[in-house]
Structures are given as C-alpha cells and as structure tokens.
Amino acid sequence: MHKSLRLLLTLILAAGLAGCESRTDRTDGGGVLLSIADFDGLPIRVAVNQSGSLVQVEEIQVANVAKDPTGVTSSLMNVEITSYEVTYSRADAGTRVPPPLVGGLFGVAAVGSTFTVEGLHVMGIEQFERVPISDLFFVNGGFDKETGQTRILLNFHMRFFGRTLSGDAVQTAPASFTIEFVP
C-alpha cells in the first residue's frame, strides 16, 4: 500500500512539474515591460489663477523593454499605447484630492525603443474645478478650506497602458512627482 501511494504521489509531482514552464514571461505581458523612462518640462509650482486650468508636462518618454534582453524579439512585442491615468494624493496635511484624470492616447512603442509624448495634460479643467484646487481661486477665498493654507502640495501618480501587437496587456509602474499649487 505504501509503495502504490508513494508511486502515485511521485507521478502527481512529476505531472505538476512537467506542466510548469520555467519561462512564463513569454505570455505574461508579451515578454516586454513598459517604463516611464524620462520626463522634461515638469512644472514645480502652479498659480491657479494664472494657469488657464491645465497642467501639462512638456515631454514624456515611455520605453518598451524586452524582459529578456538577450532573447529573440519581434514586432509582435511592439506596444500600442492606448491610454494613461493620473491619480493624486496629498503631500501636505490635507486629505481632499481632485478626481483622477484618464485620457486616451495613441502611439506605438517598438520593442527596444521609446514612445515620446509631448504636451501631455496631467491635470485638466475637471480637476481644477473641484476641491481642493478650486479653493485656491480668488473668488473662492484663495486658500484650502480643509487646511487653512494658501498652498496645496499634490503628488501626481502617472501610468500608461497598452497592448502588445500579439494582444497582451501591459502597463507602466506609476511615476510620481509633486507640484505646489498657490493662488
């Protein structure tokens, strides 16, 4: 009885190991990673009464990196960038944040290269017209009604989303930066 139980367990273990593929990255994300490689022209301070209700980054580069840099790549690993998302958190004592910004985007990041976005909006009218940013408008008093301060420090968390040409969903890890908002 012990021999047959031991044989059965050995067969189950062997079948389980045979079904495991050591290279699962072939199907996980299409063998590529998206990364926010660089951004330039990032504002560090925005005067909301003079800004025109938009905050943008001059240039952002999204890199498409092969998970196995010594492996074989193909055009099926190119990523069609489809959208981006910006969420916010407070870097000061406040807790209120604007709603997330989600935008459509179109471009292709070829495997081993970058996709450059110029003039990307990271905050728009919907975010400006809501608390806490709207508190800083002179017509609303010019101060954050939650903290009593005349400035708001917001962390921006930005991600890009896309699909490889073979159909696998990929996204960047969030890139974060902080902007000070004043009346």
Foldseek 3Di string as FASTA:
>chain_A
DVVVVVVVVVVVVVVVVVPDDPPPCCQALNQKAKAFDDFAQAAAEAALQPRQFWGWTFKIKIAIEGNDNVDDDDQLNKKWWFKKKKFKAFPDPDGDAFDIDIDTDTDIHGYPGIDMDGGGTRGGNSRCCDPPNVCCHVVNPNARPRPRHQKTKMKMWMKIWTAGNNGHIHMYGTDIDIHMYGD
